[in-house]
Amino acid sequence: MRDFSELFPEVYQVIPAGDHGVYAYMNDGAARLMDMAPRRDHGDCVDIEPFALLDCPIVDDPLEKTLL
């Protein structure tokens, strides 16, 4: 696990994923996958807490394959 004691997590970009998920690109260089299904009741716009994303899994960048 990474040490976030000196890093304030920040979301740079969010891209929709299938099945109500989003890929969040963070300032530490990681792409994290967050399940947004539990948050659908809040309307179309949802504010994502950056610290909540630290519990989400780090995944391979889904756009990397399309950019090569």
C-alpha atoms as a PDB file:
ATOM      1  CA  MET A   1       0.000   0.000   0.000  1.00  0.00           C
ATOM      2  CA  ARG A   2       1.213   3.477  -0.820  1.00  0.00           C
ATOM      3  CA  ASP A   3       2.022   6.050   1.852  1.00  0.00           C
ATOM      4  CA  PHE A   4      -0.437   8.927   1.485  1.00  0.00           C
ATOM      5  CA  SER A   5       0.690  10.786   4.612  1.00  0.00           C
ATOM      6  CA  GLU A   6       2.265  13.542   2.500  1.00  0.00           C
ATOM      7  CA  LEU A   7      -0.049  13.418  -0.504  1.00  0.00           C
ATOM      8  CA  PHE A   8      -3.483  15.003  -0.618  1.00  0.00           C
ATOM      9  CA  PRO A   9      -5.416  12.899  -3.148  1.00  0.00           C
ATOM     10  CA  GLU A  10      -6.867  14.817  -6.058  1.00  0.00           C
ATOM     11  CA  VAL A  11      -8.968  13.613  -8.964  1.00  0.00           C
ATOM     12  CA  TYR A  12      -7.710  14.905 -12.313  1.00  0.00           C
ATOM     13  CA  GLN A  13     -10.231  13.239 -14.608  1.00  0.00           C
ATOM     14  CA  VAL A  14     -13.191  10.862 -14.429  1.00  0.00           C
ATOM     15  CA  ILE A  15     -14.313   8.625 -17.306  1.00  0.00           C
ATOM     16  CA  PRO A  16     -17.458   6.474 -17.248  1.00  0.00           C
ATOM     17  CA  ALA A  17     -17.049   2.713 -17.137  1.00  0.00           C
ATOM     18  CA  GLY A  18     -19.670   0.061 -17.724  1.00  0.00           C
ATOM     19  CA  ASP A  19     -22.144  -1.045 -15.054  1.00  0.00           C
ATOM     20  CA  HIS A  20     -22.341   2.339 -13.260  1.00  0.00           C
ATOM     21  CA  GLY A  21     -18.627   2.568 -12.577  1.00  0.00           C
ATOM     22  CA  VAL A  22     -16.122   5.331 -13.213  1.00  0.00           C
ATOM     23  CA  TYR A  23     -12.392   5.369 -13.790  1.00  0.00           C
ATOM     24  CA  ALA A  24     -10.848   8.127 -11.688  1.00  0.00           C
ATOM     25  CA  TYR A  25      -7.392   9.356 -12.659  1.00  0.00           C
ATOM     26  CA  MET A  26      -5.543  10.553  -9.578  1.00  0.00           C
ATOM     27  CA  ASN A  27      -2.633  12.924  -8.977  1.00  0.00           C
ATOM     28  CA  ASP A  28      -0.469   9.993  -7.845  1.00  0.00           C
ATOM     29  CA  GLY A  29      -0.662   8.545 -11.372  1.00  0.00           C
ATOM     30  CA  ALA A  30      -3.092   5.750 -10.489  1.00  0.00           C
ATOM     31  CA  ALA A  31      -6.315   4.910 -12.273  1.00  0.00           C
ATOM     32  CA  ARG A  32      -8.941   3.707  -9.787  1.00  0.00           C
ATOM     33  CA  LEU A  33     -12.263   2.043 -10.487  1.00  0.00           C
ATOM     34  CA  MET A  34     -15.200   3.205  -8.353  1.00  0.00           C
ATOM     35  CA  ASP A  35     -18.637   1.600  -8.305  1.00  0.00           C
ATOM     36  CA  MET A  36     -21.145   4.456  -8.541  1.00  0.00           C
ATOM     37  CA  ALA A  37     -24.277   2.268  -8.312  1.00  0.00           C
ATOM     38  CA  PRO A  38     -24.797   3.006  -4.582  1.00  0.00           C
ATOM     39  CA  ARG A  39     -24.662   6.744  -5.357  1.00  0.00           C
ATOM     40  CA  ARG A  40     -27.233   6.778  -8.177  1.00  0.00           C
ATOM     41  CA  ASP A  41     -29.970   8.035  -5.848  1.00  0.00           C
ATOM     42  CA  HIS A  42     -28.208  11.397  -5.585  1.00  0.00           C
ATOM     43  CA  GLY A  43     -29.075  12.503  -9.126  1.00  0.00           C
ATOM     44  CA  ASP A  44     -26.962  12.923 -12.235  1.00  0.00           C
ATOM     45  CA  CYS A  45     -24.074  14.857 -10.692  1.00  0.00           C
ATOM     46  CA  VAL A  46     -22.122  13.245  -7.861  1.00  0.00           C
ATOM     47  CA  ASP A  47     -19.220  14.813  -5.997  1.00  0.00           C
ATOM     48  CA  ILE A  48     -16.568  12.144  -5.454  1.00  0.00           C
ATOM     49  CA  GLU A  49     -14.609  12.434  -2.220  1.00  0.00           C
ATOM     50  CA  PRO A  50     -10.933  11.906  -3.141  1.00  0.00           C
ATOM     51  CA  PHE A  51     -10.156  10.097   0.123  1.00  0.00           C
ATOM     52  CA  ALA A  52     -12.974   7.604  -0.584  1.00  0.00           C
ATOM     53  CA  LEU A  53     -11.197   6.680  -3.816  1.00  0.00           C
ATOM     54  CA  LEU A  54      -8.161   5.481  -1.884  1.00  0.00           C
ATOM     55  CA  ASP A  55     -10.212   2.419  -0.885  1.00  0.00           C
ATOM     56  CA  CYS A  56     -11.038   1.633  -4.524  1.00  0.00           C
ATOM     57  CA  PRO A  57      -8.870  -0.781  -6.494  1.00  0.00           C
ATOM     58  CA  ILE A  58      -6.063   0.478  -8.697  1.00  0.00           C
ATOM     59  CA  VAL A  59      -6.633  -0.799 -12.234  1.00  0.00           C
ATOM     60  CA  ASP A  60      -4.785  -0.763 -15.535  1.00  0.00           C
ATOM     61  CA  ASP A  61      -5.485   2.404 -17.495  1.00  0.00           C
ATOM     62  CA  PRO A  62      -8.351   1.482 -19.848  1.00  0.00           C
ATOM     63  CA  LEU A  63      -7.387   4.253 -22.300  1.00  0.00           C
ATOM     64  CA  GLU A  64      -3.798   3.087 -22.668  1.00  0.00           C
ATOM     65  CA  LYS A  65      -4.789   0.447 -25.219  1.00  0.00           C
ATOM     66  CA  THR A  66      -6.719   2.966 -27.342  1.00  0.00           C
ATOM     67  CA  LEU A  67      -3.877   5.510 -27.347  1.00  0.00           C
ATOM     68  CA  LEU A  68      -1.185   3.092 -28.535  1.00  0.00           C
END
